[in-house]
């Protein structure tokens, strides 16, 4: 069975924020001055939310072209380029002992304030009832035997609904959450 072939949703782990901060410190040290900001995003960044046990990070840079000069330093820390069909960012994946442990989304600074992932994270932190709905859906999807590659698509409708609410709270228009080509 290939790595990441079975979808696993874990109960919230209070160590996830520490793991994220350690990775942020490591990435900042690996590429001094490259990142204008790095944050813990995704479900592991929402206290109490069940999640795939993968730490998602988002980093902002002035221009994506600047990252190339730092790829060797990122790779030395286990973060390797990964193409998953998203056109507006660079993606790096870290696998510890063959198991995906971290994902780094590198985006441009100009779109940083309105990134859906950041907006949804903050919304779910403020709305535990919606976080519980999201956790329930994730567990239902995992229970059906859905493979990781289809997991994102299977939860898109709810993620879109919650992101639309989150954006509306900020006076922002709806934007599609499905970002793959």
Protein backbone atom coordinates (compact mmCIF):
# COMPACT_ATOMS: atom_id res chain seq x y z
CA UNK A 1 0.00 0.00 0.00
CA UNK A 2 1.51 3.39 -0.98
CA UNK A 3 2.29 5.95 1.70
CA UNK A 4 -0.72 8.15 2.43
CA UNK A 5 -3.01 5.57 0.73
CA UNK A 6 -5.25 5.29 3.80
CA UNK A 7 -6.97 8.36 5.13
CA UNK A 8 -6.59 8.84 8.88
CA UNK A 9 -8.46 11.47 10.89
CA UNK A 10 -7.04 11.95 14.38
CA UNK A 11 -8.49 13.59 17.45
CA UNK A 12 -7.01 17.02 18.09
CA UNK A 13 -3.47 16.81 19.45
CA UNK A 14 -2.49 19.72 21.71
CA UNK A 15 1.10 19.21 20.52
CA UNK A 16 0.25 20.27 16.95
CA UNK A 17 0.80 24.01 17.63
CA UNK A 18 4.24 23.25 19.13
CA UNK A 19 5.12 21.17 16.08
CA UNK A 20 4.02 24.01 13.82
CA UNK A 21 6.06 26.59 15.73
CA UNK A 22 9.13 24.35 15.60
CA UNK A 23 8.72 24.00 11.83
CA UNK A 24 8.20 27.76 11.43
CA UNK A 25 11.40 28.45 13.38
CA UNK A 26 13.29 25.89 11.32
CA UNK A 27 12.02 27.31 8.01
CA UNK A 28 12.81 30.87 9.06
CA UNK A 29 16.34 29.78 9.93
CA UNK A 30 16.74 27.84 6.68
CA UNK A 31 15.85 30.83 4.51
CA UNK A 32 16.62 34.00 6.46
CA UNK A 33 14.77 37.00 5.10
CA UNK A 34 12.78 35.04 2.52
CA UNK A 35 9.45 34.76 4.31
CA UNK A 36 7.54 37.92 5.21
CA UNK A 37 5.21 35.77 7.32
CA UNK A 38 4.66 32.10 8.15
CA UNK A 39 1.55 30.80 9.92
CA UNK A 40 0.05 27.51 11.01
CA UNK A 41 -3.10 26.94 8.93
CA UNK A 42 -5.48 24.08 8.34
CA UNK A 43 -7.35 21.91 10.79
CA UNK A 44 -4.35 21.21 13.02
CA UNK A 45 -4.34 24.96 13.76
CA UNK A 46 -7.88 24.91 15.20
CA UNK A 47 -7.98 23.82 18.86
CA UNK A 48 -10.23 20.82 19.36
CA UNK A 49 -10.70 20.05 15.64
CA UNK A 50 -10.10 16.51 14.40
CA UNK A 51 -7.71 16.43 11.45
CA UNK A 52 -5.36 14.48 9.29
CA UNK A 53 -2.21 14.60 11.44
CA UNK A 54 -0.35 16.79 8.94
CA UNK A 55 0.87 20.26 9.92
CA UNK A 56 -0.12 22.78 7.25
CA UNK A 57 1.86 26.00 7.08
CA UNK A 58 1.43 29.01 4.82
CA UNK A 59 4.28 31.41 4.10
CA UNK A 60 4.21 34.72 2.25
CA UNK A 61 6.99 35.96 -0.01
CA UNK A 62 7.17 39.10 -2.16
CA UNK A 63 7.55 37.00 -5.35
CA UNK A 64 7.46 33.24 -5.84
CA UNK A 65 10.60 33.41 -8.00
CA UNK A 66 12.62 34.24 -4.86
CA UNK A 67 12.03 30.77 -3.41
CA UNK A 68 14.18 28.93 -5.98
CA UNK A 69 17.41 30.19 -4.45
CA UNK A 70 16.38 28.59 -1.13
CA UNK A 71 15.14 25.19 -2.33
CA UNK A 72 18.33 23.36 -1.32
CA UNK A 73 18.12 24.81 2.19
CA UNK A 74 14.45 23.81 2.45
CA UNK A 75 15.23 20.31 1.15
CA UNK A 76 17.99 19.96 3.74
CA UNK A 77 15.23 20.41 6.37
CA UNK A 78 13.04 17.82 4.68
CA UNK A 79 10.75 20.16 2.68
CA UNK A 80 10.67 19.04 -0.96
CA UNK A 81 8.79 20.63 -3.89
CA UNK A 82 5.47 19.00 -4.70
CA UNK A 83 3.11 19.72 -7.59
CA UNK A 84 -0.52 19.05 -6.73
CA UNK A 85 -2.13 21.23 -9.36
CA UNK A 86 -2.38 24.55 -7.52
CA UNK A 87 -1.27 27.32 -9.85
CA UNK A 88 -1.06 30.24 -7.42
CA UNK A 89 1.57 28.90 -5.02
CA UNK A 90 4.57 26.72 -4.48
CA UNK A 91 4.02 23.63 -2.38
CA UNK A 92 6.58 21.76 -0.31
CA UNK A 93 5.98 18.47 1.51
CA UNK A 94 7.91 16.98 4.39
CA UNK A 95 7.65 13.28 5.10
CA UNK A 96 9.11 11.99 8.35
CA UNK A 97 10.00 8.29 8.14
CA UNK A 98 8.02 8.02 4.91
CA UNK A 99 4.82 9.54 6.32
CA UNK A 100 3.70 13.02 5.28
CA UNK A 101 4.02 15.27 8.34
CA UNK A 102 4.06 18.85 7.02
CA UNK A 103 2.86 20.81 4.01
CA UNK A 104 4.21 24.28 3.27
CA UNK A 105 2.15 26.53 0.98
CA UNK A 106 4.24 29.46 -0.28
CA UNK A 107 2.13 32.32 -1.64
CA UNK A 108 2.73 35.93 -2.57
CA UNK A 109 2.43 38.65 0.01
CA UNK A 110 -0.09 40.66 -2.03
CA UNK A 111 -2.81 38.01 -1.56
CA UNK A 112 -1.89 37.11 2.03
CA UNK A 113 -4.69 39.00 3.83
CA UNK A 114 -7.48 37.32 1.86
CA UNK A 115 -6.21 33.74 1.66
CA UNK A 116 -9.13 31.38 2.20
CA UNK A 117 -7.11 29.00 4.38
CA UNK A 118 -6.21 31.74 6.86
CA UNK A 119 -9.73 33.18 6.88
CA UNK A 120 -11.35 29.76 7.41
CA UNK A 121 -8.90 28.86 10.21
CA UNK A 122 -9.79 32.03 12.10
CA UNK A 123 -13.52 31.51 11.51
CA UNK A 124 -13.41 27.94 12.84
CA UNK A 125 -11.55 29.14 15.93
CA UNK A 126 -14.43 31.55 16.62
CA UNK A 127 -17.25 29.15 15.69
CA UNK A 128 -16.84 25.81 17.49
CA UNK A 129 -20.25 24.58 16.28
CA UNK A 130 -19.08 24.85 12.68
CA UNK A 131 -15.74 23.27 13.60
CA UNK A 132 -17.72 20.33 15.04
CA UNK A 133 -19.74 20.01 11.80
CA UNK A 134 -16.49 19.98 9.86
CA UNK A 135 -14.93 17.34 12.12
CA UNK A 136 -18.03 15.16 11.77
CA UNK A 137 -17.88 15.36 7.98
CA UNK A 138 -14.18 14.48 7.96
CA UNK A 139 -14.82 11.38 10.04
CA UNK A 140 -17.74 10.36 7.78
CA UNK A 141 -15.54 10.71 4.69
CA UNK A 142 -12.75 8.67 6.28
CA UNK A 143 -15.23 5.97 7.36
CA UNK A 144 -16.30 5.43 3.74
CA UNK A 145 -12.76 4.45 2.78
CA UNK A 146 -12.17 7.58 0.71
CA UNK A 147 -8.53 7.82 -0.35
CA UNK A 148 -6.56 10.98 0.47
CA UNK A 149 -6.61 12.20 -3.14
CA UNK A 150 -10.43 12.35 -3.09
CA UNK A 151 -10.74 13.60 0.49
CA UNK A 152 -10.43 17.30 -0.38
CA UNK A 153 -13.04 17.06 -3.10
CA UNK A 154 -15.43 15.18 -0.80
CA UNK A 155 -15.43 17.99 1.77
CA UNK A 156 -15.44 20.91 -0.69
CA UNK A 157 -19.14 21.81 -0.36
CA UNK A 158 -18.94 22.32 3.40
CA UNK A 159 -15.56 24.07 3.18
CA UNK A 160 -17.07 26.43 0.57
CA UNK A 161 -20.09 27.14 2.79
CA UNK A 162 -17.96 27.88 5.86
CA UNK A 163 -15.42 29.93 3.89
CA UNK A 164 -18.22 31.98 2.35
CA UNK A 165 -19.50 32.76 5.86
CA UNK A 166 -16.01 33.63 7.03
CA UNK A 167 -15.38 35.93 4.08
CA UNK A 168 -18.81 37.56 4.49
CA UNK A 169 -17.97 38.37 8.13
CA UNK A 170 -15.03 40.36 6.77
CA UNK A 171 -17.02 42.02 4.00
CA UNK A 172 -15.25 39.94 1.34
CA UNK A 173 -16.94 38.32 -1.66
CA UNK A 174 -17.15 34.58 -2.10
CA UNK A 175 -14.19 32.91 -3.80
CA UNK A 176 -13.96 29.29 -4.90
CA UNK A 177 -12.12 27.11 -2.40
CA UNK A 178 -11.26 24.47 -5.00
CA UNK A 179 -7.86 25.68 -6.20
CA UNK A 180 -6.52 22.81 -8.25
CA UNK A 181 -6.31 23.07 -12.03
